[in-house]
C-alpha cells in the first residue's frame, strides 16, 4: 500500500450548539485524487479549514505524513455544550497556524477566489514563493540574497508558463477572466511547494467546456508536480472522471466512502442528493 499522506481521526467541529462536522475519519494516500462531496452545508469546507489551520477541530486529530499536526478536545464551556457523536476526547492539544501548516507541505485554494487582487499576476505567485525564503532582513537589506531572488523569479515564470498565464504576467489579478483567476490561484498554491494540494470547488462558475479542461489540468498538475490532491467539488462529472476514491458527507456525518462506481450506485448517497447531482451523464 502507498504511503499515507493525510488522516483525519474522529474529527468533530462544533460552533456553539451546532455540529458542522461530526466524528469524521478518513485517509488519503500518496498520489491519489480523493474527493469530498455532499450537499451544500454538509461540512466539506469546514473539514478543509481544520486541516489547514483556519479552525481547530473541537475534538479529534489530523495527521500529515503520519505526523500529528493538529489535535484538540472540548475545552471551557464547550465541555458542557459538546454534542458530537464521539465523546472519547483527545489527551494531546497540538495547534498550528495556517502558515506553519503550509510550510509542512499543504496548500489550498478557496471556494471564493482569494487572490491579491491589486497585485499583478506575476507578483501574486512571487509573493507565495517567499514562504520558503531563506534570507533574513539583514541579508535582504544588503542585497545579499540576489541569487535566491533570481531563482524565485525564474520559478515564477515557469509556473505561469505552465498555467498559460505568462502572456498576462503584468496584468492586475482582478482584471483576469474568472477561469484565468482560478488557474492563477492554483499557480500561487503550487508556488509554496506542496506535496498535498487541497482544491475547494475549483470548477465553480465554469461552463462545461472549461470544466472538462480543468479535469485534464488537475490530472496533469498532479503528475507534473508529484502531488496528492484532496478535492471538494459539486460537478459530479469531474469528480467521477478523476477521483480514485470519494468520501460523502451529509449534515456533517460521513455517509459513504468508495470508488466512483460504488458512490454512484450507493442508495444513501443518491437519497442525500435527491438523485439530481449524481445524474452524471446529464451534466
C-alpha atoms as a PDB file:
ATOM      1  CA  UNK A   1       0.000   0.000   0.000  1.00  0.00           C
ATOM      2  CA  UNK A   2       1.198   3.523  -0.771  1.00  0.00           C
ATOM      3  CA  UNK A   3       2.241   5.954   1.941  1.00  0.00           C
ATOM      4  CA  UNK A   4      -0.490   7.626   3.998  1.00  0.00           C
ATOM      5  CA  UNK A   5      -0.357  11.376   3.410  1.00  0.00           C
ATOM      6  CA  UNK A   6      -3.366  12.688   5.332  1.00  0.00           C
ATOM      7  CA  UNK A   7      -5.512  11.152   8.060  1.00  0.00           C
ATOM      8  CA  UNK A   8      -8.436  12.634   9.937  1.00  0.00           C
ATOM      9  CA  UNK A   9      -9.051  10.806  13.201  1.00  0.00           C
ATOM     10  CA  UNK A  10     -12.580  11.202  14.650  1.00  0.00           C
ATOM     11  CA  UNK A  11     -12.725  14.942  13.932  1.00  0.00           C
ATOM     12  CA  UNK A  12     -15.670  16.998  15.151  1.00  0.00           C
ATOM     13  CA  UNK A  13     -16.191  20.722  14.554  1.00  0.00           C
ATOM     14  CA  UNK A  14     -18.845  22.436  16.648  1.00  0.00           C
ATOM     15  CA  UNK A  15     -19.831  26.116  16.563  1.00  0.00           C
ATOM     16  CA  UNK A  16     -21.832  26.955  19.679  1.00  0.00           C
ATOM     17  CA  UNK A  17     -24.547  24.308  19.717  1.00  0.00           C
ATOM     18  CA  UNK A  18     -24.214  23.462  16.011  1.00  0.00           C
ATOM     19  CA  UNK A  19     -22.158  20.429  14.977  1.00  0.00           C
ATOM     20  CA  UNK A  20     -20.832  21.219  11.481  1.00  0.00           C
ATOM     21  CA  UNK A  21     -18.660  18.084  11.161  1.00  0.00           C
ATOM     22  CA  UNK A  22     -19.373  15.055  13.329  1.00  0.00           C
ATOM     23  CA  UNK A  23     -16.800  12.334  14.051  1.00  0.00           C
ATOM     24  CA  UNK A  24     -15.169  12.384  10.619  1.00  0.00           C
ATOM     25  CA  UNK A  25     -12.420   9.853   9.945  1.00  0.00           C
ATOM     26  CA  UNK A  26     -10.753   9.451   6.563  1.00  0.00           C
ATOM     27  CA  UNK A  27      -7.380   8.843   4.943  1.00  0.00           C
ATOM     28  CA  UNK A  28      -5.625   9.855   1.737  1.00  0.00           C
ATOM     29  CA  UNK A  29      -2.616   8.063   0.268  1.00  0.00           C
ATOM     30  CA  UNK A  30       0.269   9.293  -1.829  1.00  0.00           C
ATOM     31  CA  UNK A  31      -0.542  10.282  -5.443  1.00  0.00           C
ATOM     32  CA  UNK A  32      -4.300   9.785  -5.014  1.00  0.00           C
ATOM     33  CA  UNK A  33      -7.012  12.199  -6.040  1.00  0.00           C
ATOM     34  CA  UNK A  34      -9.626  11.935  -3.296  1.00  0.00           C
ATOM     35  CA  UNK A  35     -12.884  13.881  -3.432  1.00  0.00           C
ATOM     36  CA  UNK A  36     -15.094  15.030  -0.575  1.00  0.00           C
ATOM     37  CA  UNK A  37     -18.657  15.584  -1.764  1.00  0.00           C
ATOM     38  CA  UNK A  38     -22.035  16.324  -0.247  1.00  0.00           C
ATOM     39  CA  UNK A  39     -24.957  18.761  -0.409  1.00  0.00           C
ATOM     40  CA  UNK A  40     -24.440  22.437   0.429  1.00  0.00           C
ATOM     41  CA  UNK A  41     -23.869  22.863   4.159  1.00  0.00           C
ATOM     42  CA  UNK A  42     -22.658  19.288   4.631  1.00  0.00           C
ATOM     43  CA  UNK A  43     -19.415  20.438   6.292  1.00  0.00           C
ATOM     44  CA  UNK A  44     -16.956  19.976   3.423  1.00  0.00           C
ATOM     45  CA  UNK A  45     -15.186  23.341   3.578  1.00  0.00           C
ATOM     46  CA  UNK A  46     -15.195  23.161   7.379  1.00  0.00           C
ATOM     47  CA  UNK A  47     -13.157  19.959   7.081  1.00  0.00           C
ATOM     48  CA  UNK A  48     -10.698  21.761   4.781  1.00  0.00           C
ATOM     49  CA  UNK A  49     -10.466  24.568   7.313  1.00  0.00           C
ATOM     50  CA  UNK A  50      -9.345  22.418  10.216  1.00  0.00           C
ATOM     51  CA  UNK A  51      -6.876  20.528   8.012  1.00  0.00           C
ATOM     52  CA  UNK A  52      -5.250  23.846   7.044  1.00  0.00           C
ATOM     53  CA  UNK A  53      -5.325  25.528  10.454  1.00  0.00           C
ATOM     54  CA  UNK A  54      -8.088  28.043   9.749  1.00  0.00           C
ATOM     55  CA  UNK A  55     -10.081  26.376  12.540  1.00  0.00           C
ATOM     56  CA  UNK A  56      -9.075  23.998  15.286  1.00  0.00           C
ATOM     57  CA  UNK A  57     -11.377  20.973  15.450  1.00  0.00           C
ATOM     58  CA  UNK A  58     -13.420  20.834  18.645  1.00  0.00           C
ATOM     59  CA  UNK A  59     -12.324  17.232  19.051  1.00  0.00           C
ATOM     60  CA  UNK A  60     -10.103  14.871  17.092  1.00  0.00           C
ATOM     61  CA  UNK A  61      -6.765  14.908  15.303  1.00  0.00           C
ATOM     62  CA  UNK A  62      -5.160  15.449  11.910  1.00  0.00           C
ATOM     63  CA  UNK A  63      -2.041  13.581  10.763  1.00  0.00           C
ATOM     64  CA  UNK A  64       0.144  14.624   7.827  1.00  0.00           C
ATOM     65  CA  UNK A  65       2.741  12.149   6.588  1.00  0.00           C
ATOM     66  CA  UNK A  66       1.966  10.139   9.749  1.00  0.00           C
ATOM     67  CA  UNK A  67       2.934  13.100  11.981  1.00  0.00           C
ATOM     68  CA  UNK A  68       0.356  14.567  14.363  1.00  0.00           C
ATOM     69  CA  UNK A  69      -0.118  18.185  13.241  1.00  0.00           C
ATOM     70  CA  UNK A  70      -3.452  19.131  14.845  1.00  0.00           C
ATOM     71  CA  UNK A  71      -5.141  17.745  17.946  1.00  0.00           C
ATOM     72  CA  UNK A  72      -7.812  19.152  20.202  1.00  0.00           C
ATOM     73  CA  UNK A  73     -10.523  18.353  22.744  1.00  0.00           C
ATOM     74  CA  UNK A  74     -13.558  20.261  24.054  1.00  0.00           C
ATOM     75  CA  UNK A  75     -12.439  22.955  26.474  1.00  0.00           C
ATOM     76  CA  UNK A  76     -14.121  25.577  28.663  1.00  0.00           C
ATOM     77  CA  UNK A  77     -17.862  25.942  28.067  1.00  0.00           C
ATOM     78  CA  UNK A  78     -17.644  23.529  25.165  1.00  0.00           C
ATOM     79  CA  UNK A  79     -17.236  20.649  27.634  1.00  0.00           C
ATOM     80  CA  UNK A  80     -20.907  21.108  28.563  1.00  0.00           C
ATOM     81  CA  UNK A  81     -22.130  22.163  25.119  1.00  0.00           C
ATOM     82  CA  UNK A  82     -20.414  19.370  23.205  1.00  0.00           C
ATOM     83  CA  UNK A  83     -22.881  17.439  21.038  1.00  0.00           C
ATOM     84  CA  UNK A  84     -20.503  15.402  18.895  1.00  0.00           C
ATOM     85  CA  UNK A  85     -21.052  11.671  18.490  1.00  0.00           C
ATOM     86  CA  UNK A  86     -17.516  10.822  19.590  1.00  0.00           C
ATOM     87  CA  UNK A  87     -17.027  11.524  23.300  1.00  0.00           C
ATOM     88  CA  UNK A  88     -13.616   9.886  23.511  1.00  0.00           C
ATOM     89  CA  UNK A  89     -11.704  13.136  23.967  1.00  0.00           C
ATOM     90  CA  UNK A  90      -8.110  13.586  22.874  1.00  0.00           C
ATOM     91  CA  UNK A  91      -5.386  13.969  25.505  1.00  0.00           C
ATOM     92  CA  UNK A  92      -2.940  15.946  23.362  1.00  0.00           C
ATOM     93  CA  UNK A  93      -3.587  19.524  22.285  1.00  0.00           C
ATOM     94  CA  UNK A  94      -1.493  20.387  19.223  1.00  0.00           C
ATOM     95  CA  UNK A  95      -2.091  23.642  17.384  1.00  0.00           C
ATOM     96  CA  UNK A  96      -0.510  25.088  14.234  1.00  0.00           C
ATOM     97  CA  UNK A  97      -1.237  28.279  12.314  1.00  0.00           C
ATOM     98  CA  UNK A  98      -2.109  28.186   8.590  1.00  0.00           C
ATOM     99  CA  UNK A  99       1.364  29.408   7.568  1.00  0.00           C
ATOM    100  CA  UNK A 100       3.023  26.686   9.655  1.00  0.00           C
ATOM    101  CA  UNK A 101       0.851  24.047   8.013  1.00  0.00           C
ATOM    102  CA  UNK A 102       1.636  25.472   4.573  1.00  0.00           C
ATOM    103  CA  UNK A 103       5.352  25.160   5.298  1.00  0.00           C
ATOM    104  CA  UNK A 104       4.831  21.478   6.112  1.00  0.00           C
ATOM    105  CA  UNK A 105       3.657  20.944   2.525  1.00  0.00           C
ATOM    106  CA  UNK A 106      -0.121  21.501   2.482  1.00  0.00           C
ATOM    107  CA  UNK A 107      -1.525  24.159   0.139  1.00  0.00           C
ATOM    108  CA  UNK A 108      -5.095  25.046  -0.765  1.00  0.00           C
ATOM    109  CA  UNK A 109      -7.344  27.093  -2.973  1.00  0.00           C
ATOM    110  CA  UNK A 110     -10.647  28.563  -1.809  1.00  0.00           C
ATOM    111  CA  UNK A 111     -14.281  28.246  -2.825  1.00  0.00           C
ATOM    112  CA  UNK A 112     -14.332  32.014  -3.294  1.00  0.00           C
ATOM    113  CA  UNK A 113     -11.148  33.052  -5.092  1.00  0.00           C
ATOM    114  CA  UNK A 114      -8.739  34.829  -2.741  1.00  0.00           C
ATOM    115  CA  UNK A 115      -6.040  36.451  -4.815  1.00  0.00           C
ATOM    116  CA  UNK A 116      -4.058  39.576  -4.024  1.00  0.00           C
ATOM    117  CA  UNK A 117      -6.419  41.475  -6.294  1.00  0.00           C
ATOM    118  CA  UNK A 118      -4.364  44.663  -6.628  1.00  0.00           C
ATOM    119  CA  UNK A 119      -1.096  42.871  -7.383  1.00  0.00           C
ATOM    120  CA  UNK A 120      -0.015  41.679 -10.808  1.00  0.00           C
ATOM    121  CA  UNK A 121      -0.310  38.069 -11.859  1.00  0.00           C
ATOM    122  CA  UNK A 122       3.470  37.726 -11.537  1.00  0.00           C
ATOM    123  CA  UNK A 123       3.595  39.236  -8.046  1.00  0.00           C
ATOM    124  CA  UNK A 124       0.763  37.011  -6.815  1.00  0.00           C
ATOM    125  CA  UNK A 125       2.888  33.944  -7.497  1.00  0.00           C
ATOM    126  CA  UNK A 126       6.208  35.518  -6.471  1.00  0.00           C
ATOM    127  CA  UNK A 127       4.744  36.534  -3.097  1.00  0.00           C
ATOM    128  CA  UNK A 128       3.835  32.909  -2.382  1.00  0.00           C
ATOM    129  CA  UNK A 129       7.410  31.900  -3.217  1.00  0.00           C
ATOM    130  CA  UNK A 130       8.605  33.908  -0.213  1.00  0.00           C
ATOM    131  CA  UNK A 131       7.059  31.279   2.070  1.00  0.00           C
ATOM    132  CA  UNK A 132      10.364  29.394   1.777  1.00  0.00           C
ATOM    133  CA  UNK A 133      12.707  32.390   1.563  1.00  0.00           C
ATOM    134  CA  UNK A 134      15.931  31.632   3.424  1.00  0.00           C
ATOM    135  CA  UNK A 135      17.281  35.177   3.564  1.00  0.00           C
ATOM    136  CA  UNK A 136      16.718  37.302   6.674  1.00  0.00           C
ATOM    137  CA  UNK A 137      16.039  41.034   6.894  1.00  0.00           C
ATOM    138  CA  UNK A 138      19.748  41.888   7.143  1.00  0.00           C
ATOM    139  CA  UNK A 139      20.804  39.966   4.041  1.00  0.00           C
ATOM    140  CA  UNK A 140      17.806  41.266   2.087  1.00  0.00           C
ATOM    141  CA  UNK A 141      18.552  44.877   3.016  1.00  0.00           C
ATOM    142  CA  UNK A 142      22.142  44.474   1.806  1.00  0.00           C
ATOM    143  CA  UNK A 143      21.030  42.641  -1.344  1.00  0.00           C
ATOM    144  CA  UNK A 144      22.964  39.543  -0.361  1.00  0.00           C
ATOM    145  CA  UNK A 145      20.164  37.242  -1.487  1.00  0.00           C
ATOM    146  CA  UNK A 146      20.166  38.148  -5.167  1.00  0.00           C
ATOM    147  CA  UNK A 147      20.738  34.549  -6.276  1.00  0.00           C
ATOM    148  CA  UNK A 148      17.740  33.352  -4.262  1.00  0.00           C
ATOM    149  CA  UNK A 149      15.530  36.155  -5.575  1.00  0.00           C
ATOM    150  CA  UNK A 150      16.562  35.407  -9.153  1.00  0.00           C
ATOM    151  CA  UNK A 151      15.763  31.718  -8.689  1.00  0.00           C
ATOM    152  CA  UNK A 152      12.301  32.565  -7.332  1.00  0.00           C
ATOM    153  CA  UNK A 153      11.594  34.835 -10.293  1.00  0.00           C
ATOM    154  CA  UNK A 154      12.640  32.115 -12.716  1.00  0.00           C
ATOM    155  CA  UNK A 155      10.399  29.615 -10.950  1.00  0.00           C
ATOM    156  CA  UNK A 156       7.509  32.099 -11.073  1.00  0.00           C
ATOM    157  CA  UNK A 157       7.937  32.433 -14.839  1.00  0.00           C
ATOM    158  CA  UNK A 158       7.965  28.648 -15.146  1.00  0.00           C
ATOM    159  CA  UNK A 159       4.755  28.256 -13.135  1.00  0.00           C
ATOM    160  CA  UNK A 160       2.977  30.969 -15.133  1.00  0.00           C
ATOM    161  CA  UNK A 161       4.058  29.349 -18.389  1.00  0.00           C
ATOM    162  CA  UNK A 162       2.665  26.001 -17.247  1.00  0.00           C
ATOM    163  CA  UNK A 163      -0.637  27.676 -16.358  1.00  0.00           C
ATOM    164  CA  UNK A 164      -0.789  29.527 -19.713  1.00  0.00           C
ATOM    165  CA  UNK A 165      -0.606  32.801 -17.803  1.00  0.00           C
ATOM    166  CA  UNK A 166       2.775  34.106 -18.925  1.00  0.00           C
ATOM    167  CA  UNK A 167       1.251  36.456 -21.508  1.00  0.00           C
ATOM    168  CA  UNK A 168      -0.748  38.201 -18.755  1.00  0.00           C
ATOM    169  CA  UNK A 169       2.057  38.262 -16.166  1.00  0.00           C
ATOM    170  CA  UNK A 170       1.865  42.079 -15.842  1.00  0.00           C
ATOM    171  CA  UNK A 171      -1.917  42.293 -15.648  1.00  0.00           C
ATOM    172  CA  UNK A 172      -3.646  43.087 -12.362  1.00  0.00           C
ATOM    173  CA  UNK A 173      -5.049  39.838 -10.958  1.00  0.00           C
ATOM    174  CA  UNK A 174      -8.594  41.144 -10.535  1.00  0.00           C
ATOM    175  CA  UNK A 175      -8.752  42.088 -14.247  1.00  0.00           C
ATOM    176  CA  UNK A 176      -8.402  38.484 -15.410  1.00  0.00           C
ATOM    177  CA  UNK A 177     -11.375  36.416 -16.594  1.00  0.00           C
ATOM    178  CA  UNK A 178     -12.754  34.047 -13.971  1.00  0.00           C
ATOM    179  CA  UNK A 179     -11.168  30.919 -15.414  1.00  0.00           C
ATOM    180  CA  UNK A 180      -7.714  32.503 -15.508  1.00  0.00           C
ATOM    181  CA  UNK A 181      -8.111  33.674 -11.916  1.00  0.00           C
ATOM    182  CA  UNK A 182      -8.738  30.043 -10.939  1.00  0.00           C
ATOM    183  CA  UNK A 183      -5.553  28.988 -12.709  1.00  0.00           C
ATOM    184  CA  UNK A 184      -3.639  31.802 -11.022  1.00  0.00           C
ATOM    185  CA  UNK A 185      -4.856  30.698  -7.602  1.00  0.00           C
ATOM    186  CA  UNK A 186      -3.622  27.175  -8.321  1.00  0.00           C
ATOM    187  CA  UNK A 187      -0.272  28.544  -9.554  1.00  0.00           C
ATOM    188  CA  UNK A 188       0.071  30.523  -6.336  1.00  0.00           C
ATOM    189  CA  UNK A 189      -0.675  27.406  -4.271  1.00  0.00           C
ATOM    190  CA  UNK A 190       1.939  25.442  -6.229  1.00  0.00           C
ATOM    191  CA  UNK A 191       4.485  28.181  -5.522  1.00  0.00           C
ATOM    192  CA  UNK A 192       4.503  27.116  -1.851  1.00  0.00           C
ATOM    193  CA  UNK A 193       5.952  23.716  -2.911  1.00  0.00           C
ATOM    194  CA  UNK A 194       3.179  21.478  -1.558  1.00  0.00           C
ATOM    195  CA  UNK A 195       3.021  17.708  -1.593  1.00  0.00           C
ATOM    196  CA  UNK A 196      -0.703  17.800  -0.728  1.00  0.00           C
ATOM    197  CA  UNK A 197      -2.946  20.215  -2.651  1.00  0.00           C
ATOM    198  CA  UNK A 198      -6.491  20.966  -1.444  1.00  0.00           C
ATOM    199  CA  UNK A 199      -8.865  22.304  -4.101  1.00  0.00           C
ATOM    200  CA  UNK A 200     -12.140  23.785  -2.844  1.00  0.00           C
ATOM    201  CA  UNK A 201     -14.701  23.767  -5.694  1.00  0.00           C
ATOM    202  CA  UNK A 202     -12.215  24.650  -8.453  1.00  0.00           C
ATOM    203  CA  UNK A 203     -14.892  24.280 -11.158  1.00  0.00           C
ATOM    204  CA  UNK A 204     -17.330  26.720  -9.527  1.00  0.00           C
ATOM    205  CA  UNK A 205     -18.611  29.199 -12.109  1.00  0.00           C
ATOM    206  CA  UNK A 206     -17.136  27.331 -15.088  1.00  0.00           C
ATOM    207  CA  UNK A 207     -19.030  26.202 -18.172  1.00  0.00           C
ATOM    208  CA  UNK A 208     -18.958  22.526 -19.294  1.00  0.00           C
ATOM    209  CA  UNK A 209     -16.019  23.032 -21.673  1.00  0.00           C
ATOM    210  CA  UNK A 210     -13.979  24.834 -19.006  1.00  0.00           C
ATOM    211  CA  UNK A 211     -14.835  22.080 -16.517  1.00  0.00           C
ATOM    212  CA  UNK A 212     -13.597  19.374 -18.902  1.00  0.00           C
ATOM    213  CA  UNK A 213     -10.381  21.314 -19.449  1.00  0.00           C
ATOM    214  CA  UNK A 214      -9.988  21.727 -15.688  1.00  0.00           C
ATOM    215  CA  UNK A 215     -10.294  17.970 -15.145  1.00  0.00           C
ATOM    216  CA  UNK A 216      -7.431  17.341 -17.558  1.00  0.00           C
ATOM    217  CA  UNK A 217      -5.447  20.149 -15.965  1.00  0.00           C
ATOM    218  CA  UNK A 218      -5.838  18.733 -12.423  1.00  0.00           C
ATOM    219  CA  UNK A 219      -4.605  15.301 -13.507  1.00  0.00           C
ATOM    220  CA  UNK A 220      -1.677  16.831 -15.416  1.00  0.00           C
ATOM    221  CA  UNK A 221      -0.782  19.030 -12.441  1.00  0.00           C
ATOM    222  CA  UNK A 222      -0.805  16.024 -10.101  1.00  0.00           C
ATOM    223  CA  UNK A 223       1.568  14.133 -12.360  1.00  0.00           C
ATOM    224  CA  UNK A 224       3.859  17.070 -13.145  1.00  0.00           C
ATOM    225  CA  UNK A 225       4.326  18.141  -9.532  1.00  0.00           C
ATOM    226  CA  UNK A 226       4.130  14.653  -7.989  1.00  0.00           C
ATOM    227  CA  UNK A 227       1.152  15.695  -5.859  1.00  0.00           C
ATOM    228  CA  UNK A 228      -1.592  14.158  -3.798  1.00  0.00           C
ATOM    229  CA  UNK A 229      -4.889  16.005  -4.284  1.00  0.00           C
ATOM    230  CA  UNK A 230      -7.848  16.429  -1.927  1.00  0.00           C
ATOM    231  CA  UNK A 231     -10.832  17.876  -3.763  1.00  0.00           C
ATOM    232  CA  UNK A 232     -14.219  19.391  -2.910  1.00  0.00           C
ATOM    233  CA  UNK A 233     -16.473  19.686  -5.941  1.00  0.00           C
ATOM    234  CA  UNK A 234     -20.160  19.779  -6.923  1.00  0.00           C
ATOM    235  CA  UNK A 235     -19.579  18.947 -10.594  1.00  0.00           C
ATOM    236  CA  UNK A 236     -20.135  15.211 -10.443  1.00  0.00           C
ATOM    237  CA  UNK A 237     -18.809  14.541 -13.949  1.00  0.00           C
ATOM    238  CA  UNK A 238     -15.446  15.991 -12.948  1.00  0.00           C
ATOM    239  CA  UNK A 239     -15.434  14.135  -9.628  1.00  0.00           C
ATOM    240  CA  UNK A 240     -16.292  10.778 -11.167  1.00  0.00           C
ATOM    241  CA  UNK A 241     -13.801  11.188 -14.016  1.00  0.00           C
ATOM    242  CA  UNK A 242     -10.679  11.969 -11.996  1.00  0.00           C
ATOM    243  CA  UNK A 243     -11.156  10.666  -8.434  1.00  0.00           C
ATOM    244  CA  UNK A 244      -9.574   7.490  -7.156  1.00  0.00           C
ATOM    245  CA  UNK A 245     -11.846   7.456  -4.103  1.00  0.00           C
ATOM    246  CA  UNK A 246     -14.714   9.562  -2.805  1.00  0.00           C
ATOM    247  CA  UNK A 247     -15.977  10.396   0.682  1.00  0.00           C
ATOM    248  CA  UNK A 248     -19.540  11.673   1.107  1.00  0.00           C
ATOM    249  CA  UNK A 249     -20.782  13.951   3.894  1.00  0.00           C
ATOM    250  CA  UNK A 250     -24.382  14.766   4.781  1.00  0.00           C
ATOM    251  CA  UNK A 251     -25.261  17.043   7.705  1.00  0.00           C
ATOM    252  CA  UNK A 252     -21.658  16.788   8.897  1.00  0.00           C
ATOM    253  CA  UNK A 253     -21.596  12.988   9.002  1.00  0.00           C
ATOM    254  CA  UNK A 254     -19.745  10.618   6.706  1.00  0.00           C
ATOM    255  CA  UNK A 255     -22.388   8.503   4.964  1.00  0.00           C
ATOM    256  CA  UNK A 256     -20.311   6.736   2.316  1.00  0.00           C
ATOM    257  CA  UNK A 257     -16.819   6.024   1.034  1.00  0.00           C
ATOM    258  CA  UNK A 258     -15.695   4.170  -2.062  1.00  0.00           C
ATOM    259  CA  UNK A 259     -14.712   4.251  -5.708  1.00  0.00           C
ATOM    260  CA  UNK A 260     -16.654   6.441  -8.158  1.00  0.00           C
ATOM    261  CA  UNK A 261     -18.679   3.422  -9.325  1.00  0.00           C
ATOM    262  CA  UNK A 262     -19.537   2.452  -5.751  1.00  0.00           C
ATOM    263  CA  UNK A 263     -20.595   6.001  -4.863  1.00  0.00           C
ATOM    264  CA  UNK A 264     -22.748   6.414  -7.991  1.00  0.00           C
ATOM    265  CA  UNK A 265     -24.706   3.306  -7.042  1.00  0.00           C
ATOM    266  CA  UNK A 266     -24.985   3.963  -3.319  1.00  0.00           C
ATOM    267  CA  UNK A 267     -28.653   4.405  -2.354  1.00  0.00           C
ATOM    268  CA  UNK A 268     -27.861   6.562   0.684  1.00  0.00           C
ATOM    269  CA  UNK A 269     -25.771   8.926  -1.437  1.00  0.00           C
ATOM    270  CA  UNK A 270     -28.466   9.174  -4.101  1.00  0.00           C
ATOM    271  CA  UNK A 271     -31.027   9.944  -1.395  1.00  0.00           C
ATOM    272  CA  UNK A 272     -28.815  12.694   0.093  1.00  0.00           C
ATOM    273  CA  UNK A 273     -28.539  14.309  -3.335  1.00  0.00           C
ATOM    274  CA  UNK A 274     -32.217  13.702  -4.189  1.00  0.00           C
ATOM    275  CA  UNK A 275     -30.988  11.887  -7.306  1.00  0.00           C
ATOM    276  CA  UNK A 276     -30.087  15.162  -9.021  1.00  0.00           C
ATOM    277  CA  UNK A 277     -26.381  15.870  -8.635  1.00  0.00           C
ATOM    278  CA  UNK A 278     -25.431  12.247  -9.267  1.00  0.00           C
ATOM    279  CA  UNK A 279     -27.107  12.257 -12.709  1.00  0.00           C
ATOM    280  CA  UNK A 280     -23.621  12.415 -14.173  1.00  0.00           C
ATOM    281  CA  UNK A 281     -24.457  11.832 -17.816  1.00  0.00           C
ATOM    282  CA  UNK A 282     -26.843  14.785 -17.984  1.00  0.00           C
ATOM    283  CA  UNK A 283     -24.441  17.361 -16.553  1.00  0.00           C
END
